[in-house]
């Protein structure tokens, strides 16, 4: 069990690093959208992101969970963009 928990901790560290990287990019996108009058919400792009990443899954049984993950991640990204554009 300890070894499995260590693997989870290692994975969580990587996820956090990638999350921060993604949010830094989201900040750049927010700046672009604000400067160019582009709306934050883009449901077509969101669906493309979900479908593209589901296609990468090896274990298709995880599809509903990955979909939920990306919906949540994009909701967080939009919330962050709105916060930055106040």
C-alpha atoms as a PDB file:
ATOM      1  CA  UNK A   1       0.000   0.000   0.000  1.00  0.00           C
ATOM      2  CA  UNK A   2       2.829   2.436   0.797  1.00  0.00           C
ATOM      3  CA  UNK A   3       4.384   1.891  -2.621  1.00  0.00           C
ATOM      4  CA  UNK A   4       1.052   2.566  -4.321  1.00  0.00           C
ATOM      5  CA  UNK A   5       0.593   5.736  -2.272  1.00  0.00           C
ATOM      6  CA  UNK A   6       4.059   6.884  -3.306  1.00  0.00           C
ATOM      7  CA  UNK A   7       3.114   6.321  -6.953  1.00  0.00           C
ATOM      8  CA  UNK A   8      -0.045   8.390  -6.436  1.00  0.00           C
ATOM      9  CA  UNK A   9       2.012  11.148  -4.771  1.00  0.00           C
ATOM     10  CA  UNK A  10       4.477  11.150  -7.675  1.00  0.00           C
ATOM     11  CA  UNK A  11       1.629  11.281 -10.183  1.00  0.00           C
ATOM     12  CA  UNK A  12      -0.062  14.104  -8.254  1.00  0.00           C
ATOM     13  CA  UNK A  13       3.159  16.126  -8.358  1.00  0.00           C
ATOM     14  CA  UNK A  14       3.240  15.744 -12.143  1.00  0.00           C
ATOM     15  CA  UNK A  15      -0.446  16.664 -12.439  1.00  0.00           C
ATOM     16  CA  UNK A  16       0.141  19.794 -10.356  1.00  0.00           C
ATOM     17  CA  UNK A  17       3.103  20.793 -12.517  1.00  0.00           C
ATOM     18  CA  UNK A  18       1.044  20.287 -15.695  1.00  0.00           C
ATOM     19  CA  UNK A  19      -1.950  22.099 -14.199  1.00  0.00           C
ATOM     20  CA  UNK A  20       0.169  25.130 -13.449  1.00  0.00           C
ATOM     21  CA  UNK A  21       1.641  25.004 -16.954  1.00  0.00           C
ATOM     22  CA  UNK A  22      -1.848  24.812 -18.466  1.00  0.00           C
ATOM     23  CA  UNK A  23      -3.138  27.690 -16.350  1.00  0.00           C
ATOM     24  CA  UNK A  24      -0.206  29.882 -17.408  1.00  0.00           C
ATOM     25  CA  UNK A  25      -1.261  29.266 -21.004  1.00  0.00           C
ATOM     26  CA  UNK A  26      -4.882  29.994 -20.039  1.00  0.00           C
ATOM     27  CA  UNK A  27      -3.671  33.353 -18.689  1.00  0.00           C
ATOM     28  CA  UNK A  28      -2.127  34.163 -22.069  1.00  0.00           C
ATOM     29  CA  UNK A  29      -5.348  33.140 -23.798  1.00  0.00           C
ATOM     30  CA  UNK A  30      -7.361  35.350 -21.425  1.00  0.00           C
ATOM     31  CA  UNK A  31      -5.125  38.305 -22.260  1.00  0.00           C
ATOM     32  CA  UNK A  32      -5.550  37.661 -25.981  1.00  0.00           C
ATOM     33  CA  UNK A  33      -9.322  37.330 -25.671  1.00  0.00           C
ATOM     34  CA  UNK A  34      -9.575  40.540 -23.653  1.00  0.00           C
ATOM     35  CA  UNK A  35      -7.386  42.493 -26.078  1.00  0.00           C
ATOM     36  CA  UNK A  36      -9.309  41.212 -29.109  1.00  0.00           C
ATOM     37  CA  UNK A  37     -12.845  41.200 -27.744  1.00  0.00           C
ATOM     38  CA  UNK A  38     -13.167  37.420 -27.962  1.00  0.00           C
ATOM     39  CA  UNK A  39     -15.720  35.741 -25.696  1.00  0.00           C
ATOM     40  CA  UNK A  40     -14.434  33.327 -23.074  1.00  0.00           C
ATOM     41  CA  UNK A  41     -16.902  30.509 -23.744  1.00  0.00           C
ATOM     42  CA  UNK A  42     -16.362  28.410 -26.861  1.00  0.00           C
ATOM     43  CA  UNK A  43     -18.434  25.236 -26.643  1.00  0.00           C
ATOM     44  CA  UNK A  44     -17.251  23.954 -30.033  1.00  0.00           C
ATOM     45  CA  UNK A  45     -13.591  24.151 -28.955  1.00  0.00           C
ATOM     46  CA  UNK A  46     -14.445  22.527 -25.619  1.00  0.00           C
ATOM     47  CA  UNK A  47     -16.105  19.579 -27.351  1.00  0.00           C
ATOM     48  CA  UNK A  48     -13.103  19.206 -29.657  1.00  0.00           C
ATOM     49  CA  UNK A  49     -10.751  19.094 -26.653  1.00  0.00           C
ATOM     50  CA  UNK A  50     -12.863  16.434 -24.951  1.00  0.00           C
ATOM     51  CA  UNK A  51     -13.152  14.261 -28.055  1.00  0.00           C
ATOM     52  CA  UNK A  52      -9.451  14.592 -28.911  1.00  0.00           C
ATOM     53  CA  UNK A  53      -8.398  13.484 -25.431  1.00  0.00           C
ATOM     54  CA  UNK A  54     -10.921  10.657 -25.203  1.00  0.00           C
ATOM     55  CA  UNK A  55      -9.435   9.320 -28.436  1.00  0.00           C
ATOM     56  CA  UNK A  56      -6.070   9.060 -26.651  1.00  0.00           C
ATOM     57  CA  UNK A  57      -7.437   6.736 -23.961  1.00  0.00           C
ATOM     58  CA  UNK A  58      -6.188   3.182 -24.014  1.00  0.00           C
ATOM     59  CA  UNK A  59      -8.765   2.090 -21.417  1.00  0.00           C
ATOM     60  CA  UNK A  60     -12.083   3.167 -22.959  1.00  0.00           C
ATOM     61  CA  UNK A  61     -13.831   2.275 -19.705  1.00  0.00           C
ATOM     62  CA  UNK A  62     -12.378   5.511 -18.334  1.00  0.00           C
ATOM     63  CA  UNK A  63     -14.132   7.629 -20.977  1.00  0.00           C
ATOM     64  CA  UNK A  64     -16.935   9.029 -18.778  1.00  0.00           C
ATOM     65  CA  UNK A  65     -14.416   9.910 -16.073  1.00  0.00           C
ATOM     66  CA  UNK A  66     -12.006  11.610 -18.459  1.00  0.00           C
ATOM     67  CA  UNK A  67     -14.915  13.534 -19.961  1.00  0.00           C
ATOM     68  CA  UNK A  68     -15.944  14.712 -16.490  1.00  0.00           C
ATOM     69  CA  UNK A  69     -12.317  15.614 -15.734  1.00  0.00           C
ATOM     70  CA  UNK A  70     -11.997  17.786 -18.849  1.00  0.00           C
ATOM     71  CA  UNK A  71     -15.358  19.460 -18.308  1.00  0.00           C
ATOM     72  CA  UNK A  72     -14.232  20.385 -14.799  1.00  0.00           C
ATOM     73  CA  UNK A  73     -10.809  21.500 -15.987  1.00  0.00           C
ATOM     74  CA  UNK A  74     -12.302  23.730 -18.663  1.00  0.00           C
ATOM     75  CA  UNK A  75     -14.804  25.168 -16.175  1.00  0.00           C
ATOM     76  CA  UNK A  76     -11.871  26.057 -13.898  1.00  0.00           C
ATOM     77  CA  UNK A  77     -10.021  27.565 -16.863  1.00  0.00           C
ATOM     78  CA  UNK A  78     -13.019  29.711 -17.816  1.00  0.00           C
ATOM     79  CA  UNK A  79     -13.462  30.830 -14.211  1.00  0.00           C
ATOM     80  CA  UNK A  80      -9.791  31.822 -14.085  1.00  0.00           C
ATOM     81  CA  UNK A  81     -10.128  33.747 -17.367  1.00  0.00           C
ATOM     82  CA  UNK A  82     -13.154  35.603 -16.004  1.00  0.00           C
ATOM     83  CA  UNK A  83     -11.228  36.455 -12.848  1.00  0.00           C
ATOM     84  CA  UNK A  84      -8.309  37.767 -14.886  1.00  0.00           C
ATOM     85  CA  UNK A  85     -10.574  39.858 -17.119  1.00  0.00           C
ATOM     86  CA  UNK A  86     -12.282  41.777 -14.305  1.00  0.00           C
END
